[in-house]
Protein backbone atom coordinates (compact mmCIF):
# COMPACT_ATOMS: atom_id res chain seq x y z
CA UNK A 1 -0.13 0.08 0.00
CA UNK A 2 1.28 3.39 -0.82
CA UNK A 3 2.89 5.39 1.73
CA UNK A 4 4.47 8.64 2.20
CA UNK A 5 7.42 6.49 3.95
CA UNK A 6 8.17 4.84 0.25
CA UNK A 7 10.66 6.97 -1.44
CA UNK A 8 8.95 5.76 -4.78
CA UNK A 9 5.39 7.12 -3.65
CA UNK A 10 6.83 10.44 -2.18
CA UNK A 11 8.00 11.05 -6.00
CA UNK A 12 4.88 10.28 -7.33
CA UNK A 13 3.37 12.75 -5.10
CA UNK A 14 6.12 15.21 -5.88
CA UNK A 15 5.49 15.18 -9.55
CA UNK A 16 1.74 15.47 -9.03
CA UNK A 17 2.38 18.41 -6.72
CA UNK A 18 4.63 19.94 -9.10
CA UNK A 19 2.05 20.12 -11.92
CA UNK A 20 -0.61 22.29 -9.85
CA UNK A 21 -1.44 25.76 -10.92
CA UNK A 22 -3.07 28.42 -9.44
CA UNK A 23 -5.87 28.43 -11.77
CA UNK A 24 -7.05 24.87 -11.02
CA UNK A 25 -10.58 24.59 -10.01
CA UNK A 26 -11.64 21.89 -7.62
CA UNK A 27 -13.81 19.38 -8.75
CA UNK A 28 -15.50 19.33 -5.48
CA UNK A 29 -15.30 21.28 -2.05
CA UNK A 30 -14.90 24.80 -0.93
CA UNK A 31 -10.77 25.34 -0.84
CA UNK A 32 -9.06 26.71 -3.56
CA UNK A 33 -5.61 24.76 -5.04
CA UNK A 34 -3.45 26.99 -2.52
CA UNK A 35 -5.53 26.07 0.31
CA UNK A 36 -5.53 22.58 -0.16
CA UNK A 37 -1.98 22.43 -0.65
CA UNK A 38 -1.87 24.19 2.95
CA UNK A 39 -4.34 22.03 4.32
CA UNK A 40 -2.05 19.04 3.27
CA UNK A 41 0.64 20.44 5.05
CA UNK A 42 -1.30 20.94 8.09
CA UNK A 43 -2.41 17.41 8.18
CA UNK A 44 1.37 15.98 7.92
CA UNK A 45 2.26 18.74 10.58
CA UNK A 46 -0.46 17.23 12.85
CA UNK A 47 0.69 13.64 11.88
CA UNK A 48 4.54 14.68 13.33
CA UNK A 49 2.95 16.52 16.40
CA UNK A 50 3.76 20.07 15.33
CA UNK A 51 0.04 20.75 15.59
CA UNK A 52 -2.26 19.33 18.13
CA UNK A 53 -6.51 19.26 17.84
CA UNK A 54 -8.94 20.32 20.42
CA UNK A 55 -11.39 17.70 19.72
CA UNK A 56 -11.00 14.03 20.49
CA UNK A 57 -13.79 11.65 19.07
CA UNK A 58 -12.17 8.53 18.61
CA UNK A 59 -13.87 6.18 15.97
CA UNK A 60 -14.88 2.66 16.19
CA UNK A 61 -11.54 0.44 15.03
CA UNK A 62 -13.11 -0.81 11.91
CA UNK A 63 -13.65 2.69 10.58
CA UNK A 64 -9.88 3.46 11.17
CA UNK A 65 -8.94 0.22 9.59
CA UNK A 66 -11.25 1.01 6.27
CA UNK A 67 -9.75 4.00 5.91
CA UNK A 68 -6.02 2.87 5.98
CA UNK A 69 -6.97 0.30 3.47
CA UNK A 70 -8.21 3.35 1.26
CA UNK A 71 -12.10 3.02 1.44
CA UNK A 72 -12.80 6.61 0.35
CA UNK A 73 -15.01 8.49 3.21
CA UNK A 74 -18.50 9.57 1.90
CA UNK A 75 -17.99 13.31 0.03
CA UNK A 76 -19.75 16.15 2.14
CA UNK A 77 -19.86 13.69 5.19
CA UNK A 78 -16.50 14.17 6.80
CA UNK A 79 -15.55 17.37 8.66
CA UNK A 80 -11.92 18.45 9.11
CA UNK A 81 -10.48 19.68 12.09
CA UNK A 82 -10.58 23.24 12.95
CA UNK A 83 -6.99 23.23 13.36
CA UNK A 84 -6.69 22.22 9.68
CA UNK A 85 -9.71 24.01 8.11
CA UNK A 86 -8.75 27.01 5.85
CA UNK A 87 -10.18 30.01 7.20
CA UNK A 88 -10.76 28.85 10.70
CA UNK A 89 -7.36 27.85 12.16
CA UNK A 90 -5.34 25.94 9.15
CA UNK A 91 -2.03 27.83 7.64
CA UNK A 92 -2.78 30.85 5.40
CA UNK A 93 -1.40 30.50 1.71
CA UNK A 94 2.02 32.49 1.31
CA UNK A 95 2.31 31.85 -2.52
CA UNK A 96 1.43 28.52 -4.44
CA UNK A 97 5.41 27.91 -5.28
CA UNK A 98 6.19 28.45 -1.91
CA UNK A 99 3.48 26.35 0.01
CA UNK A 100 4.10 23.23 -2.45
CA UNK A 101 8.09 23.43 -1.74
CA UNK A 102 6.89 23.46 2.30
CA UNK A 103 4.63 20.40 1.58
CA UNK A 104 7.49 18.55 -0.25
CA UNK A 105 9.92 19.53 2.70
CA UNK A 106 7.37 18.24 5.35
CA UNK A 107 6.85 14.60 3.30
CA UNK A 108 10.83 14.38 2.66
CA UNK A 109 11.09 14.73 6.36
CA UNK A 110 8.11 13.04 7.82
CA UNK A 111 10.23 9.74 8.80
CA UNK A 112 12.57 11.88 11.00
CA UNK A 113 10.36 14.65 12.18
CA UNK A 114 7.98 11.64 13.82
CA UNK A 115 10.92 10.43 15.36
CA UNK A 116 11.12 7.05 17.63
CA UNK A 117 7.72 7.34 19.18
CA UNK A 118 5.60 4.16 18.83
CA UNK A 119 2.89 6.12 18.00
CA UNK A 120 1.25 9.49 17.72
CA UNK A 121 -2.70 10.22 18.72
CA UNK A 122 -5.44 11.01 15.94
CA UNK A 123 -8.19 12.61 17.35
CA UNK A 124 -10.70 10.45 15.42
CA UNK A 125 -8.44 7.13 15.26
CA UNK A 126 -6.69 7.05 18.38
CA UNK A 127 -2.70 5.76 18.58
CA UNK A 128 -1.11 5.29 15.00
CA UNK A 129 1.83 3.92 14.19
CA UNK A 130 4.53 5.85 11.83
CA UNK A 131 3.70 3.51 9.04
CA UNK A 132 -0.09 4.47 9.84
CA UNK A 133 0.22 8.05 9.68
CA UNK A 134 2.68 7.93 6.50
CA UNK A 135 -0.40 5.60 4.92
CA UNK A 136 -2.98 8.24 6.07
CA UNK A 137 -0.76 11.07 5.08
CA UNK A 138 -0.66 9.38 1.58
CA UNK A 139 -4.10 8.86 1.42
CA UNK A 140 -5.34 12.37 2.41
CA UNK A 141 -2.42 13.71 -0.56
CA UNK A 142 -4.11 11.74 -2.92
CA UNK A 143 -7.60 12.46 -2.10
CA UNK A 144 -7.00 16.48 -2.42
CA UNK A 145 -4.77 15.95 -5.33
CA UNK A 146 -7.59 14.32 -7.23
CA UNK A 147 -9.50 16.98 -6.17
CA UNK A 148 -7.79 19.18 -8.16
CA UNK A 149 -7.39 16.86 -11.26
CA UNK A 150 -3.89 15.66 -10.48
């Protein structure tokens, strides 16, 4: 399964990120491409512990397993955490190229930034290992890149 801890999978994501342009329109959702890039970066910051969420509502374990298998969430049924939400507490865009560079750097450094912790808490899925976080980040990146046709 694809995972941002895998260098080949990182390269696929980087290629897709570098094809984004400011004028691309979303196939769904409210974010523009720059906001989506910052939102993706914030999710990685969450995974490595740089961002903490106030809310905690751990879902049944089966939901975590289905998500990690890649079963897509129903569109319009899943709300992100305020800390990752654009226009609320999410990181504001600075410029598409700069924000893509930041996101690429976060992906490249995910392994070392996560460190040697056995797991890190996710407010909806509970404890996730580094590998599970890497998988979840890949799924999230892929989802938003598809949102913009990438």
